PDB file of all heavy atoms in Angstrom:
ATOM      1  N   HIS A   1     273.697  76.397 102.541  1.00  0.00           N
ATOM      2  CA  HIS A   1     275.149  76.238 102.640  1.00  0.00           C
ATOM      3  C   HIS A   1     275.639  76.551 104.040  1.00  0.00           C
ATOM      4  O   HIS A   1     276.573  75.909 104.549  1.00  0.00           O
ATOM      5  CB  HIS A   1     275.832  77.153 101.628  1.00  0.00           C
ATOM      6  CG  HIS A   1     277.324  77.051 101.684  1.00  0.00           C
ATOM      7  ND1 HIS A   1     278.000  75.954 101.178  1.00  0.00           N
ATOM      8  CD2 HIS A   1     278.264  77.914 102.169  1.00  0.00           C
ATOM      9  CE1 HIS A   1     279.312  76.139 101.365  1.00  0.00           C
ATOM     10  NE2 HIS A   1     279.499  77.336 101.961  1.00  0.00           N
ATOM     11  N   ASN A   2     275.054  77.504 104.749  1.00  0.00           N
ATOM     12  CA  ASN A   2     275.487  77.900 106.097  1.00  0.00           C
ATOM     13  C   ASN A   2     274.943  76.995 107.172  1.00  0.00           C
ATOM     14  O   ASN A   2     275.557  76.833 108.222  1.00  0.00           O
ATOM     15  CB  ASN A   2     275.079  79.336 106.385  1.00  0.00           C
ATOM     16  CG  ASN A   2     275.847  80.329 105.529  1.00  0.00           C
ATOM     17  OD1 ASN A   2     276.895  80.000 104.981  1.00  0.00           O
ATOM     18  ND2 ASN A   2     275.291  81.528 105.379  1.00  0.00           N
ATOM     19  N   PHE A   3     273.812  76.373 106.975  1.00  0.00           N
ATOM     20  CA  PHE A   3     273.182  75.530 107.991  1.00  0.00           C
ATOM     21  C   PHE A   3     272.945  74.158 107.388  1.00  0.00           C
ATOM     22  O   PHE A   3     271.852  73.840 106.918  1.00  0.00           O
ATOM     23  CB  PHE A   3     271.835  76.130 108.457  1.00  0.00           C
ATOM     24  CG  PHE A   3     271.994  77.496 109.042  1.00  0.00           C
ATOM     25  CD1 PHE A   3     271.730  78.614 108.261  1.00  0.00           C
ATOM     26  CD2 PHE A   3     272.416  77.671 110.333  1.00  0.00           C
ATOM     27  CE1 PHE A   3     271.868  79.884 108.788  1.00  0.00           C
ATOM     28  CE2 PHE A   3     272.551  78.932 110.868  1.00  0.00           C
ATOM     29  CZ  PHE A   3     272.296  80.034 110.096  1.00  0.00           C
ATOM     30  N   PRO A   4     274.023  73.290 107.405  1.00  0.00           N
ATOM     31  CA  PRO A   4     273.868  71.946 106.838  1.00  0.00           C
ATOM     32  C   PRO A   4     273.055  71.061 107.751  1.00  0.00           C
ATOM     33  O   PRO A   4     272.868  71.347 108.937  1.00  0.00           O
ATOM     34  CB  PRO A   4     275.321  71.445 106.725  1.00  0.00           C
ATOM     35  CG  PRO A   4     276.060  72.211 107.784  1.00  0.00           C
ATOM     36  CD  PRO A   4     275.408  73.572 107.865  1.00  0.00           C
ATOM     37  N   GLU A   5     272.575  70.002 107.211  1.00  0.00           N
ATOM     38  CA  GLU A   5     271.760  69.056 107.977  1.00  0.00           C
ATOM     39  C   GLU A   5     272.627  68.331 109.007  1.00  0.00           C
ATOM     40  O   GLU A   5     273.726  67.878 108.698  1.00  0.00           O
ATOM     41  CB  GLU A   5     271.133  68.044 107.024  1.00  0.00           C
ATOM     42  CG  GLU A   5     270.159  67.117 107.708  1.00  0.00           C
ATOM     43  CD  GLU A   5     269.536  66.148 106.730  1.00  0.00           C
ATOM     44  OE1 GLU A   5     269.840  66.275 105.526  1.00  0.00           O
ATOM     45  OE2 GLU A   5     268.760  65.289 107.169  1.00  0.00           O
ATOM     46  N   PRO A   6     272.205  68.232 110.298  1.00  0.00           N
ATOM     47  CA  PRO A   6     273.038  67.593 111.343  1.00  0.00           C
ATOM     48  C   PRO A   6     273.272  66.122 111.035  1.00  0.00           C
ATOM     49  O   PRO A   6     272.456  65.438 110.428  1.00  0.00           O
ATOM     50  CB  PRO A   6     272.191  67.782 112.599  1.00  0.00           C
ATOM     51  CG  PRO A   6     270.806  68.012 112.111  1.00  0.00           C
ATOM     52  CD  PRO A   6     270.923  68.703 110.805  1.00  0.00           C
ATOM     53  N   LYS A   7     274.474  65.638 111.504  1.00  0.00           N
ATOM     54  CA  LYS A   7     274.855  64.252 111.281  1.00  0.00           C
ATOM     55  C   LYS A   7     274.144  63.341 112.262  1.00  0.00           C
ATOM     56  O   LYS A   7     273.625  63.779 113.284  1.00  0.00           O
ATOM     57  CB  LYS A   7     276.375  64.104 111.456  1.00  0.00           C
ATOM     58  CG  LYS A   7     277.161  64.940 110.449  1.00  0.00           C
ATOM     59  CD  LYS A   7     278.644  64.788 110.696  1.00  0.00           C
ATOM     60  CE  LYS A   7     279.443  65.625 109.702  1.00  0.00           C
ATOM     61  NZ  LYS A   7     280.896  65.499 109.920  1.00  0.00           N
ATOM     62  N   PRO A   8     274.100  61.997 111.994  1.00  0.00           N
ATOM     63  CA  PRO A   8     273.407  61.071 112.912  1.00  0.00           C
ATOM     64  C   PRO A   8     273.991  61.063 114.311  1.00  0.00           C
ATOM     65  O   PRO A   8     273.251  60.904 115.291  1.00  0.00           O
ATOM     66  CB  PRO A   8     273.577  59.719 112.212  1.00  0.00           C
ATOM     67  CG  PRO A   8     273.761  60.064 110.760  1.00  0.00           C
ATOM     68  CD  PRO A   8     274.501  61.359 110.750  1.00  0.00           C
ATOM     69  N   SER A   9     275.353  61.192 114.464  1.00  0.00           N
ATOM     70  CA  SER A   9     275.955  61.202 115.795  1.00  0.00           C
ATOM     71  C   SER A   9     275.478  62.408 116.601  1.00  0.00           C
ATOM     72  O   SER A   9     275.220  62.311 117.801  1.00  0.00           O
ATOM     73  CB  SER A   9     277.484  61.204 115.684  1.00  0.00           C
ATOM     74  OG  SER A   9     277.904  62.354 114.948  1.00  0.00           O
ATOM     75  N   GLU A  10     275.351  63.557 115.952  1.00  0.00           N
ATOM     76  CA  GLU A  10     274.884  64.746 116.650  1.00  0.00           C
ATOM     77  C   GLU A  10     273.433  64.602 117.062  1.00  0.00           C
ATOM     78  O   GLU A  10     273.015  65.057 118.137  1.00  0.00           O
ATOM     79  CB  GLU A  10     275.064  65.978 115.764  1.00  0.00           C
ATOM     80  CG  GLU A  10     276.533  66.301 115.482  1.00  0.00           C
ATOM     81  CD  GLU A  10     276.669  67.499 114.573  1.00  0.00           C
ATOM     82  OE1 GLU A  10     275.605  67.983 114.102  1.00  0.00           O
ATOM     83  OE2 GLU A  10     277.794  67.936 114.334  1.00  0.00           O
ATOM     84  N   ARG A  11     272.624  63.931 116.222  1.00  0.00           N
ATOM     85  CA  ARG A  11     271.225  63.703 116.586  1.00  0.00           C
ATOM     86  C   ARG A  11     271.133  62.815 117.825  1.00  0.00           C
ATOM     87  O   ARG A  11     270.301  63.047 118.707  1.00  0.00           O
ATOM     88  CB  ARG A  11     270.492  63.046 115.414  1.00  0.00           C
ATOM     89  CG  ARG A  11     270.300  63.960 114.218  1.00  0.00           C
ATOM     90  CD  ARG A  11     269.626  63.215 113.091  1.00  0.00           C
ATOM     91  NE  ARG A  11     269.477  64.076 111.933  1.00  0.00           N
ATOM     92  CZ  ARG A  11     268.968  63.642 110.762  1.00  0.00           C
ATOM     93  NH1 ARG A  11     268.591  62.361 110.627  1.00  0.00           N
ATOM     94  NH2 ARG A  11     268.867  64.489 109.757  1.00  0.00           N
ATOM     95  N   ALA A  12     272.014  61.771 117.882  1.00  0.00           N
ATOM     96  CA  ALA A  12     272.001  60.877 119.051  1.00  0.00           C
ATOM     97  C   ALA A  12     272.404  61.626 120.295  1.00  0.00           C
ATOM     98  O   ALA A  12     271.835  61.435 121.381  1.00  0.00           O
ATOM     99  CB  ALA A  12     272.926  59.689 118.821  1.00  0.00           C
ATOM    100  N   ARG A  13     273.413  62.513 120.220  1.00  0.00           N
ATOM    101  CA  ARG A  13     273.855  63.289 121.373  1.00  0.00           C
ATOM    102  C   ARG A  13     272.742  64.222 121.850  1.00  0.00           C
ATOM    103  O   ARG A  13     272.536  64.418 123.045  1.00  0.00           O
ATOM    104  CB  ARG A  13     275.107  64.084 121.004  1.00  0.00           C
ATOM    105  CG  ARG A  13     275.759  64.712 122.224  1.00  0.00           C
ATOM    106  CD  ARG A  13     276.999  65.499 121.837  1.00  0.00           C
ATOM    107  NE  ARG A  13     277.961  64.634 121.150  1.00  0.00           N
ATOM    108  CZ  ARG A  13     278.350  64.794 119.900  1.00  0.00           C
ATOM    109  NH1 ARG A  13     277.838  65.792 119.183  1.00  0.00           N
ATOM    110  NH2 ARG A  13     279.216  63.971 119.349  1.00  0.00           N
ATOM    111  N   GLU A  14     271.964  64.776 120.921  1.00  0.00           N
ATOM    112  CA  GLU A  14     270.870  65.654 121.316  1.00  0.00           C
ATOM    113  C   GLU A  14     269.767  64.872 121.999  1.00  0.00           C
ATOM    114  O   GLU A  14     269.143  65.367 122.959  1.00  0.00           O
ATOM    115  CB  GLU A  14     270.322  66.369 120.083  1.00  0.00           C
ATOM    116  CG  GLU A  14     271.288  67.409 119.518  1.00  0.00           C
ATOM    117  CD  GLU A  14     270.740  68.029 118.251  1.00  0.00           C
ATOM    118  OE1 GLU A  14     269.639  67.599 117.834  1.00  0.00           O
ATOM    119  OE2 GLU A  14     271.409  68.912 117.684  1.00  0.00           O
ATOM    120  N   ARG A  15     269.553  63.623 121.549  1.00  0.00           N
ATOM    121  CA  ARG A  15     268.522  62.804 122.214  1.00  0.00           C
ATOM    122  C   ARG A  15     268.955  62.428 123.617  1.00  0.00           C
ATOM    123  O   ARG A  15     268.126  62.313 124.527  1.00  0.00           O
ATOM    124  CB  ARG A  15     268.248  61.543 121.369  1.00  0.00           C
ATOM    125  CG  ARG A  15     267.412  61.817 120.133  1.00  0.00           C
ATOM    126  CD  ARG A  15     266.825  60.518 119.588  1.00  0.00           C
ATOM    127  NE  ARG A  15     267.886  59.598 119.189  1.00  0.00           N
ATOM    128  CZ  ARG A  15     268.383  59.534 117.951  1.00  0.00           C
ATOM    129  NH1 ARG A  15     267.912  60.343 117.015  1.00  0.00           N
ATOM    130  NH2 ARG A  15     269.346  58.682 117.660  1.00  0.00           N
ATOM    131  N   GLU A  16     270.290  62.203 123.850  1.00  0.00           N
ATOM    132  CA  GLU A  16     270.762  61.871 125.184  1.00  0.00           C
ATOM    133  C   GLU A  16     270.589  63.041 126.119  1.00  0.00           C
ATOM    134  O   GLU A  16     270.315  62.878 127.304  1.00  0.00           O
ATOM    135  CB  GLU A  16     272.246  61.475 125.135  1.00  0.00           C
ATOM    136  CG  GLU A  16     272.468  60.147 124.441  1.00  0.00           C
ATOM    137  CD  GLU A  16     273.954  59.815 124.331  1.00  0.00           C
ATOM    138  OE1 GLU A  16     274.747  60.666 124.798  1.00  0.00           O
ATOM    139  OE2 GLU A  16     274.301  58.760 123.782  1.00  0.00           O
ATOM    140  N   ALA A  17     270.740  64.266 125.565  1.00  0.00           N
ATOM    141  CA  ALA A  17     270.618  65.446 126.417  1.00  0.00           C
ATOM    142  C   ALA A  17     269.185  65.855 126.633  1.00  0.00           C
ATOM    143  O   ALA A  17     268.909  66.731 127.432  1.00  0.00           O
ATOM    144  CB  ALA A  17     271.394  66.626 125.792  1.00  0.00           C
ATOM    145  N   ALA A  18     268.254  65.239 125.952  1.00  0.00           N
ATOM    146  CA  ALA A  18     266.841  65.617 126.098  1.00  0.00           C
ATOM    147  C   ALA A  18     266.307  65.105 127.410  1.00  0.00           C
ATOM    148  O   ALA A  18     266.737  64.071 127.924  1.00  0.00           O
ATOM    149  CB  ALA A  18     266.020  65.027 124.934  1.00  0.00           C
ATOM    150  N   PRO A  19     265.376  65.796 128.045  1.00  0.00           N
ATOM    151  CA  PRO A  19     264.821  65.345 129.349  1.00  0.00           C
ATOM    152  C   PRO A  19     264.020  64.077 129.185  1.00  0.00           C
ATOM    153  O   PRO A  19     263.361  63.854 128.165  1.00  0.00           O
ATOM    154  CB  PRO A  19     263.942  66.525 129.773  1.00  0.00           C
ATOM    155  CG  PRO A  19     263.612  67.241 128.515  1.00  0.00           C
ATOM    156  CD  PRO A  19     264.782  67.061 127.618  1.00  0.00           C
ATOM    157  N   SER A  20     264.091  63.165 130.259  1.00  0.00           N
ATOM    158  CA  SER A  20     263.367  61.895 130.244  1.00  0.00           C
ATOM    159  C   SER A  20     261.923  62.136 130.631  1.00  0.00           C
ATOM    160  O   SER A  20     261.584  63.174 131.185  1.00  0.00           O
ATOM    161  CB  SER A  20     264.031  60.898 131.230  1.00  0.00           C
ATOM    162  OG  SER A  20     263.994  61.457 132.542  1.00  0.00           O
ATOM    163  N   PRO A  21     261.057  61.146 130.411  1.00  0.00           N
ATOM    164  CA  PRO A  21     259.638  61.322 130.743  1.00  0.00           C
ATOM    165  C   PRO A  21     259.405  61.531 132.229  1.00  0.00           C
ATOM    166  O   PRO A  21     258.435  62.162 132.615  1.00  0.00           O
ATOM    167  CB  PRO A  21     259.000  60.026 130.249  1.00  0.00           C
ATOM    168  CG  PRO A  21     259.917  59.535 129.180  1.00  0.00           C
ATOM    169  CD  PRO A  21     261.288  59.943 129.624  1.00  0.00           C
ATOM    170  N   GLU A  22     260.295  60.975 133.137  1.00  0.00           N
ATOM    171  CA  GLU A  22     260.049  61.134 134.556  1.00  0.00           C
ATOM    172  C   GLU A  22     260.532  62.490 135.051  1.00  0.00           C
ATOM    173  O   GLU A  22     260.433  62.788 136.230  1.00  0.00           O
ATOM    174  CB  GLU A  22     260.786  60.048 135.337  1.00  0.00           C
ATOM    175  CG  GLU A  22     260.191  58.654 135.109  1.00  0.00           C
ATOM    176  CD  GLU A  22     260.684  58.041 133.817  1.00  0.00           C
ATOM    177  OE1 GLU A  22     261.611  58.663 133.207  1.00  0.00           O
ATOM    178  OE2 GLU A  22     260.172  57.000 133.385  1.00  0.00           O
ATOM    179  N   GLY A  23     261.064  63.322 134.155  1.00  0.00           N
ATOM    180  CA  GLY A  23     261.513  64.632 134.603  1.00  0.00           C
ATOM    181  C   GLY A  23     262.953  64.647 134.980  1.00  0.00           C
ATOM    182  O   GLY A  23     263.432  65.612 135.579  1.00  0.00           O
ATOM    183  N   HIS A  24     263.731  63.526 134.798  1.00  0.00           N
ATOM    184  CA  HIS A  24     265.154  63.473 135.114  1.00  0.00           C
ATOM    185  C   HIS A  24     265.946  63.874 133.912  1.00  0.00           C
ATOM    186  O   HIS A  24     265.578  63.584 132.785  1.00  0.00           O
ATOM    187  CB  HIS A  24     265.540  62.051 135.559  1.00  0.00           C
ATOM    188  CG  HIS A  24     264.826  61.627 136.816  1.00  0.00           C
ATOM    189  ND1 HIS A  24     265.200  62.054 138.073  1.00  0.00           N
ATOM    190  CD2 HIS A  24     263.760  60.814 136.961  1.00  0.00           C
ATOM    191  CE1 HIS A  24     264.369  61.487 138.966  1.00  0.00           C
ATOM    192  NE2 HIS A  24     263.486  60.736 138.310  1.00  0.00           N
ATOM    193  N   SER A  25     267.052  64.449 134.154  1.00  0.00           N
ATOM    194  CA  SER A  25     267.940  64.877 133.078  1.00  0.00           C
ATOM    195  C   SER A  25     269.272  64.219 133.262  1.00  0.00           C
ATOM    196  O   SER A  25     269.853  64.277 134.350  1.00  0.00           O
ATOM    197  CB  SER A  25     268.098  66.407 133.103  1.00  0.00           C
ATOM    198  OG  SER A  25     269.048  66.801 132.168  1.00  0.00           O
ATOM    199  N   LEU A  26     269.744  63.529 132.244  1.00  0.00           N
ATOM    200  CA  LEU A  26     271.009  62.837 132.271  1.00  0.00           C
ATOM    201  C   LEU A  26     271.962  63.513 131.341  1.00  0.00           C
ATOM    202  O   LEU A  26     271.623  63.817 130.205  1.00  0.00           O
ATOM    203  CB  LEU A  26     270.811  61.369 131.845  1.00  0.00           C
ATOM    204  CG  LEU A  26     269.852  60.536 132.722  1.00  0.00           C
ATOM    205  CD1 LEU A  26     269.700  59.137 132.118  1.00  0.00           C
ATOM    206  CD2 LEU A  26     270.360  60.460 134.162  1.00  0.00           C
ATOM    207  N   MET A  27     273.162  63.700 131.797  1.00  0.00           N
ATOM    208  CA  MET A  27     274.193  64.342 130.976  1.00  0.00           C
ATOM    209  C   MET A  27     275.444  63.494 131.025  1.00  0.00           C
ATOM    210  O   MET A  27     275.908  63.152 132.122  1.00  0.00           O
ATOM    211  CB  MET A  27     274.479  65.746 131.490  1.00  0.00           C
ATOM    212  CG  MET A  27     275.535  66.495 130.648  1.00  0.00           C
ATOM    213  SD  MET A  27     275.793  68.159 131.217  1.00  0.00           S
ATOM    214  CE  MET A  27     274.184  68.836 130.870  1.00  0.00           C
ATOM    215  N   SER A  28     275.932  63.096 129.928  1.00  0.00           N
ATOM    216  CA  SER A  28     277.125  62.287 129.828  1.00  0.00           C
ATOM    217  C   SER A  28     278.315  63.191 129.637  1.00  0.00           C
ATOM    218  O   SER A  28     278.347  64.001 128.709  1.00  0.00           O
ATOM    219  CB  SER A  28     277.007  61.310 128.654  1.00  0.00           C
ATOM    220  OG  SER A  28     278.196  60.592 128.511  1.00  0.00           O
ATOM    221  N   LEU A  29     279.290  63.044 130.572  1.00  0.00           N
ATOM    222  CA  LEU A  29     280.497  63.858 130.504  1.00  0.00           C
ATOM    223  C   LEU A  29     281.712  63.027 130.218  1.00  0.00           C
ATOM    224  O   LEU A  29     282.841  63.476 130.398  1.00  0.00           O
ATOM    225  CB  LEU A  29     280.699  64.594 131.835  1.00  0.00           C
ATOM    226  CG  LEU A  29     279.554  65.520 132.257  1.00  0.00           C
ATOM    227  CD1 LEU A  29     279.863  66.118 133.630  1.00  0.00           C
ATOM    228  CD2 LEU A  29     279.357  66.614 131.246  1.00  0.00           C
ATOM    229  N   SER A  30     281.478  61.779 129.812  1.00  0.00           N
ATOM    230  CA  SER A  30     282.615  60.889 129.602  1.00  0.00           C
ATOM    231  C   SER A  30     283.513  61.374 128.490  1.00  0.00           C
ATOM    232  O   SER A  30     284.716  61.157 128.517  1.00  0.00           O
ATOM    233  CB  SER A  30     282.112  59.463 129.306  1.00  0.00           C
ATOM    234  OG  SER A  30     281.305  59.510 128.137  1.00  0.00           O
ATOM    235  N   GLU A  31     282.950  62.017 127.510  1.00  0.00           N
ATOM    236  CA  GLU A  31     283.777  62.440 126.387  1.00  0.00           C
ATOM    237  C   GLU A  31     284.635  63.624 126.734  1.00  0.00           C
ATOM    238  O   GLU A  31     285.562  63.941 126.011  1.00  0.00           O
ATOM    239  CB  GLU A  31     282.897  62.774 125.182  1.00  0.00           C
ATOM    240  CG  GLU A  31     281.876  63.847 125.460  1.00  0.00           C
ATOM    241  CD  GLU A  31     281.014  64.123 124.257  1.00  0.00           C
ATOM    242  OE1 GLU A  31     281.339  63.577 123.195  1.00  0.00           O
ATOM    243  OE2 GLU A  31     280.042  64.883 124.390  1.00  0.00           O
TER     244      GLU A  31
END
């Protein structure tokens, strides 16, 4: 009840914040 399963939009945001294979990190601040 305290830790519900994350929604698909949150999963996508976490994948965007994950580091790329070349070692670059992209962060979207548009929102």
